[in-house]
Amino acid sequence: MERSKTRTTWVLGAVLALLVGLAQAQSPSRTIRFVVPFAPGGGIDTLARIVVAKMSERGRASFVDNRPGASGITAVEFVMKAPADGYTLLVADSGHYGINPNIHPKLPYDPLRDLAPVIEAATTSLILTVGAAVPAGSVAEFVALSKSLPEGLMYGSSGNGSPHHLAMEMLRMSSGARVTHVPYKGVAQAVPALLAGEVSALFAGSSSTMGHVKAGKLRMLAVVAGKRAGFLPNVPTVAETYPDCVIDNTIGILAPVTLPNDLVRELNATLAQVLRLPDTLARMADLGMDAVAGTPEQFAQSIRGQLDVYARLVKLSGAKVD
């Protein structure tokens, strides 16, 4: 009798533990991990932290997990192998789902085969920026100046195969500009080089250069994007002068590819609400970003388009990773 009672108690305890475990697995109070393939402090990391704060305010506890290095490959693989339960998400940019597949010959992932697009959060415009001493007030004048000099102009980037590098290569191929690439180990090194006159130009985000522009030390000439940036309506696009020079760099949130579609939809709706909040939009503008907050299908189509554009750029420019 005592043995039967003990066994019954054990079974009830096991069932209770199982039910508790299932409830926790389905509970929206579980913490969502936003994996960022960069060190703390950059624009994507800051955007992720804005989203985390807003999600947490709405009862969806979240945190940022920074996993920098290896061109973001380590972070992508971590998310690919995570449980497909909606609690591990990747905050990535065009470099991870547009450039990496075209420039790394043995990349261990395919962005559309191994990841589920949840939402394209924002576009992040790269702006052709020159030093104050460079006698050019437009992209056309910059190109003309480069052609007038025997050795052309030197430009900086955040590294070989980076969006900053490939944006200038697109301009070079579209306009015939005579430019020489000087790669640095990130924008944090390239901007001081531009200020010091080591290079004459740089494609960079406004968050890295706006303070220097306002101080009169740098000058913005044009945005390389399909349309003018909402936060810089008076700065023209490169395409207004060279129509085939268009590329939209984006930031998006992705999940393990087997995440059920209903969870993808739920996350998309929640994240879209957060991204469209007035204070979120204002903070994104300060970071040099315009909100997108579209559907998963729209994000998948954007990724396909960027894969095509960067495939052409990498091939024609001969760009290689360091």
Protein backbone atom coordinates (compact mmCIF):
# COMPACT_ATOMS: atom_id res chain seq x y z
CA MET A 1 0.00 0.00 0.00
CA GLU A 2 2.79 2.39 0.96
CA ARG A 3 4.70 1.49 -2.21
CA SER A 4 1.57 2.17 -4.34
CA LYS A 5 1.08 5.53 -2.64
CA THR A 6 4.70 6.46 -3.22
CA ARG A 7 4.46 5.49 -6.87
CA THR A 8 1.25 7.50 -7.32
CA THR A 9 2.91 10.54 -5.72
CA TRP A 10 5.91 10.18 -8.04
CA VAL A 11 3.70 9.93 -11.13
CA LEU A 12 1.66 12.98 -10.11
CA GLY A 13 4.87 14.90 -9.48
CA ALA A 14 6.25 13.94 -12.89
CA VAL A 15 3.02 14.97 -14.63
CA LEU A 16 2.98 18.28 -12.75
CA ALA A 17 6.61 18.97 -13.73
CA LEU A 18 5.77 18.19 -17.36
CA LEU A 19 2.78 20.54 -17.33
CA VAL A 20 4.83 23.31 -15.76
CA GLY A 21 7.53 22.80 -18.37
CA LEU A 22 5.00 22.99 -21.20
CA ALA A 23 3.44 26.11 -19.75
CA GLN A 24 6.82 27.78 -19.52
CA ALA A 25 7.68 26.79 -23.09
CA GLN A 26 4.48 28.47 -24.31
CA SER A 27 4.55 31.45 -22.00
CA PRO A 28 5.15 34.91 -23.55
CA SER A 29 7.02 35.83 -20.36
CA ARG A 30 10.06 33.81 -21.43
CA THR A 31 13.03 35.98 -22.29
CA ILE A 32 13.69 36.65 -25.98
CA ARG A 33 17.36 36.68 -27.00
CA PHE A 34 18.26 39.15 -29.77
CA VAL A 35 21.61 38.02 -31.15
CA VAL A 36 23.67 40.92 -32.58
CA PRO A 37 26.74 40.06 -34.71
CA PHE A 38 28.58 43.19 -33.54
CA ALA A 39 30.19 44.52 -30.40
CA PRO A 40 28.12 46.89 -28.23
CA GLY A 41 27.87 50.51 -29.29
CA GLY A 42 27.23 50.48 -33.04
CA GLY A 43 24.06 51.45 -34.87
CA ILE A 44 22.63 47.92 -35.16
CA ASP A 45 23.39 47.18 -31.52
CA THR A 46 21.70 50.44 -30.50
CA LEU A 47 18.63 49.65 -32.59
CA ALA A 48 18.46 46.18 -31.02
CA ARG A 49 18.57 47.73 -27.55
CA ILE A 50 15.78 50.16 -28.46
CA VAL A 51 13.64 47.22 -29.59
CA VAL A 52 14.51 45.20 -26.47
CA ALA A 53 13.49 48.09 -24.20
CA LYS A 54 10.17 48.55 -25.99
CA MET A 55 9.46 44.82 -26.02
CA SER A 56 10.21 44.59 -22.31
CA GLU A 57 7.85 47.51 -21.62
CA ARG A 58 5.13 45.43 -23.26
CA GLY A 59 5.75 42.42 -21.07
CA ARG A 60 7.97 40.54 -23.55
CA ALA A 61 11.20 40.26 -21.54
CA SER A 62 14.17 40.52 -23.92
CA PHE A 63 17.92 41.04 -23.95
CA VAL A 64 20.75 41.65 -26.42
CA ASP A 65 23.40 38.96 -26.89
CA ASN A 66 26.45 40.44 -28.68
CA ARG A 67 28.43 37.88 -30.70
CA PRO A 68 30.90 39.85 -32.86
CA GLY A 69 33.57 38.53 -35.20
CA ALA A 70 34.00 36.29 -38.25
CA SER A 71 31.92 38.63 -40.46
CA GLY A 72 28.87 37.72 -38.37
CA ILE A 73 29.06 34.06 -39.38
CA THR A 74 29.39 32.85 -35.77
CA ALA A 75 26.24 34.72 -34.73
CA VAL A 76 24.26 33.47 -37.72
CA GLU A 77 25.23 29.85 -37.04
CA PHE A 78 24.26 30.23 -33.39
CA VAL A 79 20.74 31.32 -34.35
CA MET A 80 20.45 28.68 -37.08
CA LYS A 81 21.07 25.94 -34.51
CA ALA A 82 18.87 27.43 -31.78
CA PRO A 83 15.45 25.94 -30.94
CA ALA A 84 12.82 27.23 -33.37
CA ASP A 85 10.54 28.54 -30.61
CA GLY A 86 10.66 32.30 -31.21
CA TYR A 87 12.96 33.02 -28.28
CA THR A 88 16.23 33.31 -30.24
CA LEU A 89 16.33 35.94 -33.00
CA LEU A 90 19.08 37.40 -35.17
CA VAL A 91 19.46 41.14 -35.79
CA ALA A 92 21.44 41.30 -39.02
CA ASP A 93 22.17 43.63 -41.91
CA SER A 94 22.85 43.48 -45.64
CA GLY A 95 26.39 42.34 -44.98
CA HIS A 96 25.11 39.10 -43.45
CA TYR A 97 22.32 38.23 -45.88
CA GLY A 98 23.42 40.09 -49.02
CA ILE A 99 27.22 40.30 -49.13
CA ASN A 100 28.47 37.25 -47.19
CA PRO A 101 26.77 34.72 -49.50
CA ASN A 102 28.48 36.35 -52.48
CA ILE A 103 31.95 36.96 -51.08
CA HIS A 104 32.64 33.93 -48.84
CA PRO A 105 33.22 30.87 -51.04
CA LYS A 106 32.50 28.36 -48.25
CA LEU A 107 29.85 30.19 -46.26
CA PRO A 108 28.14 27.71 -43.89
CA TYR A 109 24.67 29.17 -44.42
CA ASP A 110 22.22 30.35 -47.04
CA PRO A 111 20.11 33.27 -45.74
CA LEU A 112 16.87 32.04 -47.31
CA ARG A 113 17.43 28.31 -46.87
CA ASP A 114 18.64 28.40 -43.25
CA LEU A 115 16.85 31.42 -41.76
CA ALA A 116 13.25 32.64 -41.59
CA PRO A 117 12.84 36.36 -42.40
CA VAL A 118 10.68 37.87 -39.65
CA ILE A 119 10.78 41.60 -40.37
CA GLU A 120 12.87 44.13 -42.25
CA ALA A 121 13.29 46.71 -39.52
CA ALA A 122 14.95 49.60 -41.32
CA THR A 123 16.94 50.95 -44.20
CA THR A 124 20.28 52.44 -43.27
CA SER A 125 21.59 54.89 -45.82
CA LEU A 126 25.22 55.13 -46.82
CA ILE A 127 26.16 58.69 -47.68
CA LEU A 128 29.02 59.85 -49.90
CA THR A 129 30.93 62.11 -47.52
CA VAL A 130 34.04 64.16 -48.28
CA GLY A 131 36.49 66.24 -46.29
CA ALA A 132 35.86 69.97 -46.08
CA ALA A 133 38.97 70.66 -48.19
CA VAL A 134 37.74 68.55 -51.12
CA PRO A 135 36.44 71.01 -53.79
CA ALA A 136 33.26 69.16 -54.64
CA GLY A 137 29.70 70.09 -53.71
CA SER A 138 27.90 67.29 -55.55
CA VAL A 139 28.46 63.73 -56.66
CA ALA A 140 28.97 64.92 -60.24
CA GLU A 141 31.66 67.37 -59.11
CA PHE A 142 33.31 64.63 -57.06
CA VAL A 143 33.47 62.35 -60.09
CA ALA A 144 34.77 65.17 -62.31
CA LEU A 145 37.45 66.03 -59.74
CA SER A 146 38.59 62.42 -59.56
CA LYS A 147 38.93 62.27 -63.34
CA SER A 148 40.91 65.52 -63.45
CA LEU A 149 43.65 64.26 -61.16
CA PRO A 150 46.43 62.03 -62.57
CA GLU A 151 46.12 59.54 -59.69
CA GLY A 152 42.47 60.18 -58.91
CA LEU A 153 41.16 60.29 -55.33
CA MET A 154 41.61 57.87 -52.44
CA TYR A 155 38.58 56.69 -50.50
CA GLY A 156 38.24 54.83 -47.25
CA SER A 157 35.99 52.00 -46.15
CA SER A 158 35.39 49.76 -43.17
CA GLY A 159 37.16 46.90 -44.94
CA ASN A 160 37.32 44.88 -48.13
CA GLY A 161 33.92 43.58 -49.16
CA SER A 162 32.07 45.88 -46.75
CA PRO A 163 28.93 47.78 -47.83
CA HIS A 164 31.01 50.99 -47.70
CA HIS A 165 33.56 49.51 -50.11
CA LEU A 166 30.99 48.10 -52.52
CA ALA A 167 28.95 51.32 -52.56
CA MET A 168 31.97 53.23 -53.89
CA GLU A 169 32.70 50.44 -56.36
CA MET A 170 29.16 50.82 -57.65
CA LEU A 171 29.70 54.55 -58.08
CA ARG A 172 33.03 53.93 -59.82
CA MET A 173 31.46 51.52 -62.29
CA SER A 174 28.44 53.78 -62.89
CA SER A 175 30.35 57.02 -63.35
CA GLY A 176 33.90 56.14 -64.36
CA ALA A 177 35.24 57.87 -61.26
CA ARG A 178 38.99 57.43 -60.76
CA VAL A 179 39.26 56.27 -57.14
CA THR A 180 41.62 54.09 -55.09
CA HIS A 181 40.43 51.99 -52.17
CA VAL A 182 42.04 52.29 -48.73
CA PRO A 183 40.46 49.72 -46.35
CA TYR A 184 40.40 50.30 -42.60
CA LYS A 185 39.39 48.03 -39.74
CA GLY A 186 35.98 49.59 -39.35
CA VAL A 187 34.25 52.95 -39.67
CA ALA A 188 35.72 54.00 -36.31
CA GLN A 189 39.14 54.09 -38.01
CA ALA A 190 37.99 55.31 -41.43
CA VAL A 191 36.25 58.49 -40.23
CA PRO A 192 39.36 59.87 -38.44
CA ALA A 193 41.34 59.11 -41.60
CA LEU A 194 38.87 61.19 -43.59
CA LEU A 195 39.09 64.02 -41.07
CA ALA A 196 42.89 63.91 -41.23
CA GLY A 197 42.90 64.04 -45.03
CA GLU A 198 44.43 60.59 -45.45
CA VAL A 199 41.52 59.83 -47.79
CA SER A 200 39.21 62.23 -49.61
CA ALA A 201 35.91 60.40 -49.38
CA LEU A 202 33.98 57.72 -47.57
CA PHE A 203 30.56 56.12 -47.82
CA ALA A 204 29.27 56.00 -44.24
CA GLY A 205 26.15 56.22 -42.14
CA SER A 206 25.11 59.62 -40.80
CA SER A 207 25.50 58.51 -37.17
CA SER A 208 29.27 58.24 -37.76
CA THR A 209 29.68 61.58 -39.52
CA MET A 210 26.84 63.98 -38.69
CA GLY A 211 28.64 65.64 -35.78
CA HIS A 212 31.60 66.42 -38.03
CA VAL A 213 29.29 67.63 -40.80
CA LYS A 214 27.59 70.05 -38.42
CA ALA A 215 31.03 71.25 -37.30
CA GLY A 216 31.96 72.00 -40.91
CA LYS A 217 34.72 69.40 -41.04
CA LEU A 218 32.96 67.05 -43.46
CA ARG A 219 30.38 67.46 -46.23
CA MET A 220 27.63 65.08 -47.38
CA LEU A 221 27.16 64.85 -51.14
CA ALA A 222 24.67 62.08 -51.89
CA VAL A 223 22.89 59.00 -50.55
CA VAL A 224 23.31 55.66 -52.30
CA ALA A 225 19.75 54.34 -52.08
CA GLY A 226 16.56 53.96 -54.07
CA LYS A 227 15.11 57.15 -52.60
CA ARG A 228 16.17 60.07 -50.40
CA ALA A 229 16.54 59.33 -46.71
CA GLY A 230 13.61 60.54 -44.65
CA PHE A 231 15.95 62.06 -42.09
CA LEU A 232 18.03 63.85 -44.81
CA PRO A 233 15.44 65.04 -47.33
CA ASN A 234 17.74 67.71 -48.79
CA VAL A 235 20.57 65.32 -49.62
CA PRO A 236 20.07 63.88 -53.13
CA THR A 237 20.55 60.26 -54.08
CA VAL A 238 23.47 59.19 -56.24
CA ALA A 239 20.86 57.76 -58.62
CA GLU A 240 19.57 61.26 -59.38
CA THR A 241 22.86 61.74 -61.25
CA TYR A 242 23.78 58.14 -62.10
CA PRO A 243 20.48 56.20 -62.39
CA ASP A 244 21.93 52.69 -62.18
CA CYS A 245 23.76 53.42 -58.91
CA VAL A 246 21.15 52.13 -56.46
CA ILE A 247 21.46 49.86 -53.46
CA ASP A 248 19.35 49.69 -50.32
CA ASN A 249 21.20 48.52 -47.22
CA THR A 250 18.86 47.21 -44.58
CA ILE A 251 18.65 45.83 -41.05
CA GLY A 252 16.37 42.89 -40.41
CA ILE A 253 15.36 40.36 -37.79
CA LEU A 254 15.47 36.65 -38.62
CA ALA A 255 14.79 33.36 -36.85
CA PRO A 256 15.67 29.66 -37.25
CA VAL A 257 14.14 28.51 -40.53
CA THR A 258 11.81 25.95 -38.93
CA LEU A 259 10.02 28.53 -36.78
CA PRO A 260 6.28 27.90 -37.32
CA ASN A 261 4.59 30.44 -39.56
CA ASP A 262 2.09 31.50 -36.88
CA LEU A 263 4.97 32.46 -34.59
CA VAL A 264 6.67 34.35 -37.44
CA ARG A 265 3.44 36.31 -37.92
CA GLU A 266 3.05 36.98 -34.20
CA LEU A 267 6.63 38.25 -33.88
CA ASN A 268 6.27 40.35 -37.03
CA ALA A 269 3.14 42.07 -35.69
CA THR A 270 4.71 42.78 -32.29
CA LEU A 271 7.98 44.07 -33.74
CA ALA A 272 6.17 46.22 -36.32
CA GLN A 273 4.24 47.96 -33.54
CA VAL A 274 7.47 48.65 -31.65
CA LEU A 275 9.26 49.97 -34.74
CA ARG A 276 6.42 52.36 -35.61
CA LEU A 277 6.25 54.04 -32.21
CA PRO A 278 6.94 57.80 -32.55
CA ASP A 279 9.87 57.78 -30.12
CA THR A 280 11.35 54.71 -31.83
CA LEU A 281 11.13 56.47 -35.20
CA ALA A 282 12.82 59.55 -33.75
CA ARG A 283 15.67 57.54 -32.28
CA MET A 284 16.09 55.62 -35.52
CA ALA A 285 16.41 58.90 -37.42
CA ASP A 286 19.20 59.91 -35.05
CA LEU A 287 20.93 56.64 -35.99
CA GLY A 288 20.56 57.35 -39.70
CA MET A 289 17.76 54.86 -40.27
CA ASP A 290 14.29 54.90 -41.78
CA ALA A 291 11.76 52.35 -40.51
CA VAL A 292 10.40 49.70 -42.88
CA ALA A 293 8.46 47.29 -40.63
CA GLY A 294 7.03 45.30 -43.53
CA THR A 295 5.82 41.73 -43.86
CA PRO A 296 7.99 38.59 -43.78
CA GLU A 297 7.33 38.16 -47.51
CA GLN A 298 8.51 41.70 -48.23
CA PHE A 299 11.70 41.05 -46.26
CA ALA A 300 12.35 37.81 -48.15
CA GLN A 301 11.95 39.65 -51.45
CA SER A 302 14.34 42.36 -50.25
CA ILE A 303 16.95 39.73 -49.39
CA ARG A 304 16.63 38.19 -52.86
CA GLY A 305 17.10 41.61 -54.44
CA GLN A 306 20.18 42.37 -52.36
CA LEU A 307 21.68 38.97 -53.16
CA ASP A 308 21.35 39.79 -56.85
CA VAL A 309 22.78 43.30 -56.58
CA TYR A 310 25.76 42.26 -54.47
CA ALA A 311 26.47 39.25 -56.69
CA ARG A 312 26.95 41.64 -59.59
CA LEU A 313 29.01 44.11 -57.56
CA VAL A 314 31.32 41.48 -56.10
CA LYS A 315 31.89 39.91 -59.52
CA LEU A 316 32.52 43.15 -61.40
CA SER A 317 34.65 44.77 -58.70
CA GLY A 318 36.65 41.63 -57.88
CA ALA A 319 36.14 42.37 -54.18
CA LYS A 320 37.59 39.84 -51.77
CA VAL A 321 37.46 39.54 -48.00
CA ASP A 322 40.59 40.23 -45.95
